[in-house]
Every structure is written in structure tokens, then in C-alpha cells.
Amino acid sequence: MLNIGLLGAGRIGRVHADAIAGHPQSELVAISDAVTEAADTLATQYGAKAASSEEIIADSSIDAVLIATPTDTHSDLIQAATSAGKAVLCEKPVDLDLERAQACQMAVAETAQPVMIGFNRRFDPSFSALKAAADQGEIGKPEMLSITSFDPAPPPISYVKVSGGLFRDMMIHDFDMANYLMGQLPEQISAIGSAIVDPEIGQAGDVDTAVVTMTYSSGQIAVIKNSRRAVYGYDQRIELLGSDGLLQANNVLENAVVKSTAQGVTGAKPTYFFLERYMPAYRAEWDAFVRAAQHSSTMPVTLADGVAALAMAEAATLSLRSGRAVTLSDVLKPVAK
């Protein structure tokens, strides 16, 4: 049984609290949040204690922490928790700044403590099944990857201003998914984008509609499409074309009923947002973390994976601003051992 401290009691923190409390091998014992009322409420709900992040990290009875705080606090909390001898699961991204993320990576290496980054989509049943089929050679050699990720509606402008931008906040999931499915990092990244959903997003210096193309040393290509608006629901699809066939992971729908009449054929819309779409993935992610922490094995999504995805977001940002392709190795420098 692992005793867990949860840092952050906001929306994503509440999602993780449910996963922690529902697992037979973990117990949620302490919760912190900058808004003390939020920590108190969530702690009462799960029979935990409310405490500060510093108190939780210093508590020797707590085995691991889950970090679900604002992004600009992630790397500092990862370093503090690992220095205190704790295993860590941290929400994406590692940081808003790539240099800080790499400094965190070096500091954590000195502690030898396990850190997992919360790219929960790797644990989605459909996506993981697609990965398994590709790894088993069912479509031959993968040649072209297409990832579609559309939100139903844009977030508040107040969030956009502190999010780090679409590439670091939203598409970073897709960068990691591309790495997971292709089994390698791309050589070059090209990005185009615009703010056509909400002009205020553009005024805040961000985009709400973007396409990124990535090329690999072997000639393979990956394309990621993001939009902050899909009026029909949360659109999450993957296609992987190989030399011997095609793998597809389609949307999860509100229900499986299809109506066929003389007027046409209709079905349900995709589930509305990530809470409905990815709850099984969050639970599977937590189970994978618990098993790795208990058996001192390598985390299934490492801190290096998180740094790589952040570097790809940085490269996409540079490409968007410059209008040219960016070589990933120019952005992602080797981390000193």
C-alpha cells in the first residue's frame, strides 16, 4: 500500500484523487492547494488531511506525490519531492521553460527517484491497442501517422494567458503520442497556426488552430491537427498507415446506437470532453504508476519523455514564428550525465 500526497485540488486534481482513492494499493492521505478551501473540501471528501505542499513533501510517511498544480510550479516540486525520497507522478508539461525542465531532469538523475509524467493518453484502451498492433507488425512498417485532437470549445482567456500556448498546453499530448507510436523522435518540425476561433486568443499571443508536420530520419511523416473548437464534441482520432495496411482509433461516442432510415444514417456524437473521454486512461495510468513504484521498475512514461515533448512544443513555436522548419536537435540539447 502506497501512501499518497496530492498537490493540487483543482479540476485535474479531483480527477486524480478519484483514481488514487479507487486503487486497492494506494491511499490518499494528504492534499494541498494554494486555495486552502479547495484542499479542505477535497480532503474531507476522501478522508485525507489538508496540508501545505511543503508539509506533504517533508512527511516521511508519504511514499509518493502526484503533482497537479499550475505548470510553472512543476519542476520545482518534482525536484523537492525526489530530493525527499519520494516517487512522483507529475501532470504534463514538466515546465513552461525547456531549460528549466532539463535542469530538473539533471537534478532528478542525482536522486535516482522514479518520476512519471502524466501523458495519460498512452493508457487509453484504443490507443494502446493500436500501439500493440503496430508493434506486432500487423501493418508492416509504419510510414505515415495522423493525429487529430479538437476540443469542443476554447478555454477562458485567463487560462490561455498562463497556459504556455497551444503547443505546450494542448498539442504536447499529441507530440508524446507521436513519440510513443513511432518509437523515435522526429528530425524536423514545421508548424502553421492562426487564431480564427477566438480573436482574443490571438491578442493573447496564442493560436487556436494549428497543424504540425514532422519528418523522421527514415522518411516517415507525422501530422498533428489541433483546434480549440469542434462544435460536435471532443474529437480524438489516430490513423497509422503502414506498408501492409492501416490502423485507426476512432472517437468514443456518447452511445453506440446507429439509426438507419430512408432519410439517412445517423449516430451519436463524440463524448463532450476529456473527463468523459479519458477517465479509463487516468485510472490505467495510475495503476501503471503504482505498479512501477512498488516494484522499483522503470516508469512507463519518463521524465525524459516529458522533456522531449516539451522540446517538440518549443520547436513548433519557433517554426510558427519563423515560418521555417526547425531541426529538433537544435532545440533539444543532450543532458549532461
Protein backbone atom coordinates (compact mmCIF):
# COMPACT_ATOMS: atom_id res chain seq x y z
CA MET A 1 0.00 0.00 0.00
CA LEU A 2 1.40 3.38 -1.04
CA ASN A 3 0.56 6.48 0.97
CA ILE A 4 -0.03 9.32 -1.48
CA GLY A 5 0.07 13.09 -1.21
CA LEU A 6 -1.85 15.05 -3.85
CA LEU A 7 -0.52 18.51 -4.69
CA GLY A 8 -3.32 20.43 -6.34
CA ALA A 9 -7.08 20.22 -5.76
CA GLY A 10 -8.35 21.81 -8.95
CA ARG A 11 -10.22 20.08 -11.78
CA ILE A 12 -7.43 17.71 -12.78
CA GLY A 13 -6.51 17.18 -9.13
CA ARG A 14 -10.03 15.95 -8.46
CA VAL A 15 -9.73 13.51 -11.37
CA HIS A 16 -6.53 12.11 -9.89
CA ALA A 17 -7.99 11.99 -6.38
CA ASP A 18 -10.69 9.64 -7.66
CA ALA A 19 -8.09 7.38 -9.31
CA ILE A 20 -5.85 7.30 -6.22
CA ALA A 21 -8.68 6.60 -3.79
CA GLY A 22 -10.17 3.95 -6.06
CA HIS A 23 -6.98 1.91 -6.37
CA PRO A 24 -6.58 -1.05 -3.98
CA GLN A 25 -2.86 -0.42 -3.49
CA SER A 26 -2.85 3.34 -2.83
CA GLU A 27 -4.29 5.53 -0.11
CA LEU A 28 -4.84 9.27 -0.48
CA VAL A 29 -3.63 10.64 2.85
CA ALA A 30 -2.93 14.34 2.25
CA ILE A 31 -3.96 17.11 -0.17
CA SER A 32 -2.60 20.61 -0.74
CA ASP A 33 -3.73 23.56 -2.81
CA ALA A 34 -2.98 27.27 -2.99
CA VAL A 35 -6.70 27.74 -2.37
CA THR A 36 -7.00 26.25 1.10
CA GLU A 37 -10.76 25.83 0.84
CA ALA A 38 -10.30 23.59 -2.20
CA ALA A 39 -7.82 21.39 -0.33
CA ASP A 40 -10.10 21.25 2.72
CA THR A 41 -13.14 20.25 0.65
CA LEU A 42 -11.36 17.52 -1.30
CA ALA A 43 -9.60 16.20 1.79
CA THR A 44 -12.91 15.92 3.62
CA GLN A 45 -14.42 14.07 0.67
CA TYR A 46 -11.70 11.41 0.71
CA GLY A 47 -10.93 11.21 4.40
CA ALA A 48 -7.48 12.77 3.95
CA LYS A 49 -5.82 15.68 5.70
CA ALA A 50 -5.27 19.12 4.21
CA ALA A 51 -1.68 20.34 4.43
CA SER A 52 0.79 22.52 2.58
CA SER A 53 2.84 21.11 -0.28
CA GLU A 54 5.96 21.61 1.82
CA GLU A 55 4.46 19.62 4.70
CA ILE A 56 3.42 16.79 2.40
CA ILE A 57 6.86 16.57 0.78
CA ALA A 58 8.57 16.59 4.18
CA ASP A 59 6.27 13.88 5.62
CA SER A 60 8.31 10.67 5.75
CA SER A 61 5.14 8.54 5.98
CA ILE A 62 4.12 9.61 2.47
CA ASP A 63 5.64 7.40 -0.21
CA ALA A 64 4.76 9.30 -3.37
CA VAL A 65 3.21 12.54 -4.55
CA LEU A 66 1.04 13.38 -7.52
CA ILE A 67 1.63 16.91 -8.79
CA ALA A 68 -1.43 18.59 -10.29
CA THR A 69 -0.52 22.20 -9.59
CA PRO A 70 -0.04 25.06 -12.12
CA THR A 71 2.61 24.26 -14.73
CA ASP A 72 5.11 26.88 -13.57
CA THR A 73 5.44 25.02 -10.25
CA HIS A 74 6.00 21.53 -11.69
CA SER A 75 9.78 21.33 -12.00
CA ASP A 76 10.41 22.86 -8.57
CA LEU A 77 8.00 20.44 -6.91
CA ILE A 78 9.45 17.46 -8.80
CA GLN A 79 12.92 18.36 -7.54
CA ALA A 80 11.75 18.91 -3.97
CA ALA A 81 9.81 15.65 -3.84
CA THR A 82 12.54 13.49 -5.35
CA SER A 83 15.13 15.09 -3.06
CA ALA A 84 12.90 14.00 -0.19
CA GLY A 85 12.99 10.41 -1.46
CA LYS A 86 9.53 10.26 -2.97
CA ALA A 87 8.28 8.78 -6.22
CA VAL A 88 6.46 11.33 -8.38
CA LEU A 89 3.70 11.39 -10.95
CA CYS A 90 3.51 14.90 -12.42
CA GLU A 91 0.93 16.28 -14.80
CA LYS A 92 2.20 17.48 -18.17
CA PRO A 93 4.15 19.53 -19.10
CA VAL A 94 7.31 19.32 -17.00
CA ASP A 95 7.65 23.11 -17.16
CA LEU A 96 6.85 26.02 -19.44
CA ASP A 97 10.57 26.59 -19.99
CA LEU A 98 12.70 23.92 -21.67
CA GLU A 99 15.93 24.90 -19.89
CA ARG A 100 14.24 24.62 -16.51
CA ALA A 101 12.81 21.24 -17.48
CA GLN A 102 16.25 19.95 -18.47
CA ALA A 103 17.75 21.32 -15.24
CA CYS A 104 15.05 19.40 -13.38
CA GLN A 105 15.94 16.27 -15.34
CA MET A 106 19.59 16.57 -14.29
CA ALA A 107 18.68 17.20 -10.64
CA VAL A 108 16.34 14.22 -10.50
CA ALA A 109 19.01 11.98 -12.01
CA GLU A 110 21.15 12.68 -8.95
CA THR A 111 18.41 11.37 -6.62
CA ALA A 112 17.66 8.20 -8.64
CA GLN A 113 14.00 8.59 -7.64
CA PRO A 114 11.32 7.49 -10.14
CA VAL A 115 9.36 10.21 -11.94
CA MET A 116 6.45 9.64 -14.31
CA ILE A 117 4.92 12.35 -16.49
CA GLY A 118 1.15 12.33 -16.92
CA PHE A 119 0.65 11.64 -20.58
CA ASN A 120 -2.49 9.67 -19.82
CA ARG A 121 -3.44 9.10 -23.46
CA ARG A 122 -0.80 6.38 -23.75
CA PHE A 123 -3.08 4.37 -21.46
CA ASP A 124 -6.27 4.86 -23.45
CA PRO A 125 -7.51 1.36 -24.38
CA SER A 126 -7.93 2.18 -28.08
CA PHE A 127 -4.61 3.96 -28.46
CA SER A 128 -2.68 1.30 -26.57
CA ALA A 129 -4.32 -1.41 -28.70
CA LEU A 130 -3.26 0.47 -31.84
CA LYS A 131 0.29 0.68 -30.48
CA ALA A 132 0.33 -3.06 -29.72
CA ALA A 133 -0.90 -3.92 -33.22
CA ALA A 134 1.76 -1.71 -34.80
CA ASP A 135 4.49 -3.23 -32.62
CA GLN A 136 3.37 -6.71 -33.65
CA GLY A 137 3.87 -5.79 -37.29
CA GLU A 138 0.22 -6.08 -38.27
CA ILE A 139 0.50 -3.25 -40.83
CA GLY A 140 4.15 -3.74 -41.76
CA LYS A 141 6.45 -0.74 -41.48
CA PRO A 142 4.70 2.43 -40.24
CA GLU A 143 5.03 5.17 -42.84
CA MET A 144 2.57 7.97 -42.06
CA LEU A 145 0.89 8.99 -38.78
CA SER A 146 -2.07 11.35 -38.50
CA ILE A 147 -3.32 12.60 -35.11
CA THR A 148 -6.49 14.67 -34.77
CA SER A 149 -7.24 16.42 -31.49
CA PHE A 150 -10.04 19.00 -31.41
CA ASP A 151 -11.50 20.49 -28.24
CA PRO A 152 -15.25 21.23 -28.16
CA ALA A 153 -14.68 24.86 -27.13
CA PRO A 154 -11.75 27.11 -26.25
CA PRO A 155 -10.69 27.64 -22.64
CA PRO A 156 -11.12 31.01 -20.90
CA ILE A 157 -8.70 33.74 -22.00
CA SER A 158 -7.41 33.92 -18.41
CA TYR A 159 -6.23 30.32 -18.82
CA VAL A 160 -4.79 30.87 -22.30
CA LYS A 161 -2.58 33.67 -20.97
CA VAL A 162 -0.83 31.38 -18.46
CA SER A 163 -1.01 28.07 -20.36
CA GLY A 164 2.24 28.45 -22.31
CA GLY A 165 0.38 28.33 -25.61
CA LEU A 166 -1.42 25.68 -27.63
CA PHE A 167 1.73 23.70 -28.43
CA ARG A 168 2.83 23.39 -24.78
CA ASP A 169 -0.63 23.03 -23.29
CA MET A 170 -2.73 21.07 -25.80
CA MET A 171 -0.62 19.62 -28.59
CA ILE A 172 2.02 18.40 -26.14
CA HIS A 173 -0.19 15.32 -25.61
CA ASP A 174 -0.04 14.65 -29.34
CA PHE A 175 3.72 15.17 -29.50
CA ASP A 176 4.11 12.48 -26.86
CA MET A 177 1.63 10.22 -28.65
CA ALA A 178 3.65 10.56 -31.86
CA ASN A 179 6.82 9.58 -29.98
CA TYR A 180 5.00 6.65 -28.37
CA LEU A 181 3.63 5.32 -31.65
CA MET A 182 6.64 5.99 -33.87
CA GLY A 183 9.18 4.85 -31.30
CA GLN A 184 11.54 7.69 -32.12
CA LEU A 185 11.87 11.47 -32.16
CA PRO A 186 11.41 13.43 -35.38
CA GLU A 187 14.26 15.22 -37.09
CA GLN A 188 12.36 18.31 -38.22
CA ILE A 189 9.17 20.07 -37.15
CA SER A 190 7.12 22.55 -39.19
CA ALA A 191 4.13 24.43 -37.78
CA ILE A 192 1.41 26.69 -39.09
CA GLY A 193 -1.36 28.21 -37.00
CA SER A 194 -3.87 31.00 -36.63
CA ALA A 195 -6.43 32.42 -34.22
CA ILE A 196 -9.71 32.05 -36.07
CA VAL A 197 -11.87 30.60 -33.31
CA ASP A 198 -11.47 33.50 -30.88
CA PRO A 199 -9.64 36.73 -31.79
CA GLU A 200 -8.83 37.27 -28.12
CA ILE A 201 -6.62 34.17 -28.22
CA GLY A 202 -4.59 35.83 -30.97
CA GLN A 203 -4.43 39.05 -28.97
CA ALA A 204 -3.02 36.99 -26.10
CA GLY A 205 -0.21 35.83 -28.41
CA ASP A 206 -1.50 32.31 -28.99
CA VAL A 207 -3.20 30.31 -31.76
CA ASP A 208 -6.34 28.21 -31.57
CA THR A 209 -5.98 26.30 -34.84
CA ALA A 210 -2.72 24.60 -35.82
CA VAL A 211 -1.15 21.91 -37.96
CA VAL A 212 2.30 20.47 -37.32
CA THR A 213 4.21 18.25 -39.72
CA MET A 214 7.12 16.14 -38.51
CA THR A 215 9.65 14.25 -40.59
CA TYR A 216 11.87 11.37 -39.47
CA SER A 217 15.32 10.15 -40.46
CA SER A 218 13.79 7.18 -42.30
CA GLY A 219 11.47 9.39 -44.35
CA GLN A 220 8.36 8.72 -42.26
CA ILE A 221 5.91 11.59 -41.76
CA ALA A 222 3.59 12.52 -38.90
CA VAL A 223 0.88 15.20 -38.99
CA ILE A 224 -0.90 16.64 -35.95
CA LYS A 225 -4.05 18.74 -36.26
CA ASN A 226 -5.37 20.76 -33.30
CA SER A 227 -8.36 23.06 -32.96
CA ARG A 228 -9.89 24.70 -29.92
CA ARG A 229 -13.39 24.33 -31.43
CA ALA A 230 -15.31 21.29 -32.64
CA VAL A 231 -18.99 22.01 -32.10
CA TYR A 232 -19.91 18.31 -32.27
CA GLY A 233 -17.74 17.23 -29.30
CA TYR A 234 -14.27 16.09 -28.31
CA ASP A 235 -12.64 14.77 -31.49
CA GLN A 236 -9.79 12.35 -30.76
CA ARG A 237 -8.62 10.14 -33.65
CA ILE A 238 -5.45 8.43 -34.82
CA GLU A 239 -4.55 6.86 -38.15
CA LEU A 240 -1.31 4.97 -38.74
CA LEU A 241 -0.58 3.94 -42.32
CA GLY A 242 1.91 1.15 -42.86
CA SER A 243 3.40 -0.74 -45.76
CA ASP A 244 0.84 -3.53 -45.29
CA GLY A 245 -2.26 -1.70 -44.09
CA LEU A 246 -3.88 0.94 -41.90
CA LEU A 247 -4.65 1.14 -38.20
CA GLN A 248 -7.35 3.53 -36.96
CA ALA A 249 -8.51 4.55 -33.49
CA ASN A 250 -11.78 6.41 -33.84
CA ASN A 251 -13.79 8.58 -31.49
CA VAL A 252 -15.52 7.29 -28.39
CA LEU A 253 -19.20 8.13 -28.88
CA GLU A 254 -21.89 9.06 -26.38
CA ASN A 255 -23.60 5.77 -27.25
CA ALA A 256 -23.32 3.03 -29.86
CA VAL A 257 -26.81 3.40 -31.39
CA VAL A 258 -26.97 3.95 -35.15
CA LYS A 259 -30.30 4.90 -36.76
CA SER A 260 -30.79 3.92 -40.40
CA THR A 261 -33.91 5.15 -42.22
CA ALA A 262 -34.97 6.30 -45.66
CA GLN A 263 -33.76 9.77 -44.68
CA GLY A 264 -30.23 8.61 -43.94
CA VAL A 265 -27.95 7.04 -41.35
CA THR A 266 -27.20 8.86 -38.09
CA GLY A 267 -25.33 8.11 -34.89
CA ALA A 268 -24.25 9.70 -31.63
CA LYS A 269 -21.73 12.49 -31.23
CA PRO A 270 -18.28 12.02 -29.65
CA THR A 271 -18.15 12.35 -25.87
CA TYR A 272 -18.06 16.03 -24.92
CA PHE A 273 -14.69 16.50 -23.22
CA PHE A 274 -11.64 14.86 -21.70
CA LEU A 275 -13.31 13.98 -18.39
CA GLU A 276 -15.72 11.65 -20.17
CA ARG A 277 -13.29 10.50 -22.87
CA TYR A 278 -10.21 9.70 -20.83
CA MET A 279 -11.33 8.60 -17.35
CA PRO A 280 -10.40 4.95 -18.06
CA ALA A 281 -6.98 6.18 -19.22
CA TYR A 282 -6.42 8.14 -16.00
CA ARG A 283 -7.20 5.04 -13.93
CA ALA A 284 -4.92 2.86 -16.04
CA GLU A 285 -2.18 5.49 -15.83
CA TRP A 286 -2.38 5.49 -12.04
CA ASP A 287 -2.32 1.69 -11.91
CA ALA A 288 0.84 1.69 -14.06
CA PHE A 289 2.48 4.22 -11.73
CA VAL A 290 1.60 2.24 -8.60
CA ARG A 291 2.97 -1.00 -10.03
CA ALA A 292 6.19 0.65 -11.16
CA ALA A 293 6.67 2.42 -7.81
CA GLN A 294 6.01 -0.76 -5.84
CA HIS A 295 8.45 -2.85 -7.84
CA SER A 296 11.12 -0.16 -8.35
CA SER A 297 10.85 -0.60 -12.10
CA THR A 298 11.24 1.98 -14.84
CA MET A 299 8.28 4.31 -15.16
CA PRO A 300 6.28 3.73 -18.36
CA VAL A 301 6.43 7.46 -19.18
CA THR A 302 9.69 9.00 -18.04
CA LEU A 303 10.87 12.50 -17.25
CA ALA A 304 12.94 12.29 -20.45
CA ASP A 305 9.71 11.65 -22.37
CA GLY A 306 8.26 14.80 -20.85
CA VAL A 307 11.32 16.86 -21.77
CA ALA A 308 11.24 15.52 -25.33
CA ALA A 309 7.59 16.52 -25.81
CA LEU A 310 8.30 19.97 -24.39
CA ALA A 311 11.23 20.37 -26.80
CA MET A 312 8.91 19.49 -29.67
CA ALA A 313 6.45 22.14 -28.48
CA GLU A 314 9.32 24.62 -28.37
CA ALA A 315 10.37 23.66 -31.90
CA ALA A 316 6.80 24.07 -33.15
CA THR A 317 6.59 27.51 -31.53
CA LEU A 318 9.84 28.57 -33.17
CA SER A 319 8.65 27.23 -36.53
CA LEU A 320 5.37 29.11 -36.28
CA ARG A 321 7.15 32.37 -35.51
CA SER A 322 9.88 31.99 -38.13
CA GLY A 323 7.90 30.38 -40.94
CA ARG A 324 10.52 27.67 -41.42
CA ALA A 325 11.15 24.10 -40.34
CA VAL A 326 13.09 23.65 -37.10
CA THR A 327 15.53 20.82 -36.52
CA LEU A 328 14.73 19.21 -33.17
CA SER A 329 18.40 18.61 -32.29
CA ASP A 330 18.92 22.38 -32.37
CA VAL A 331 16.35 22.71 -29.59
CA LEU A 332 16.79 19.54 -27.54
CA LYS A 333 20.35 19.58 -26.28
CA PRO A 334 21.84 16.45 -24.66
CA VAL A 335 21.51 16.39 -20.88
CA ALA A 336 24.83 16.06 -19.09
CA LYS A 337 25.18 12.87 -17.09
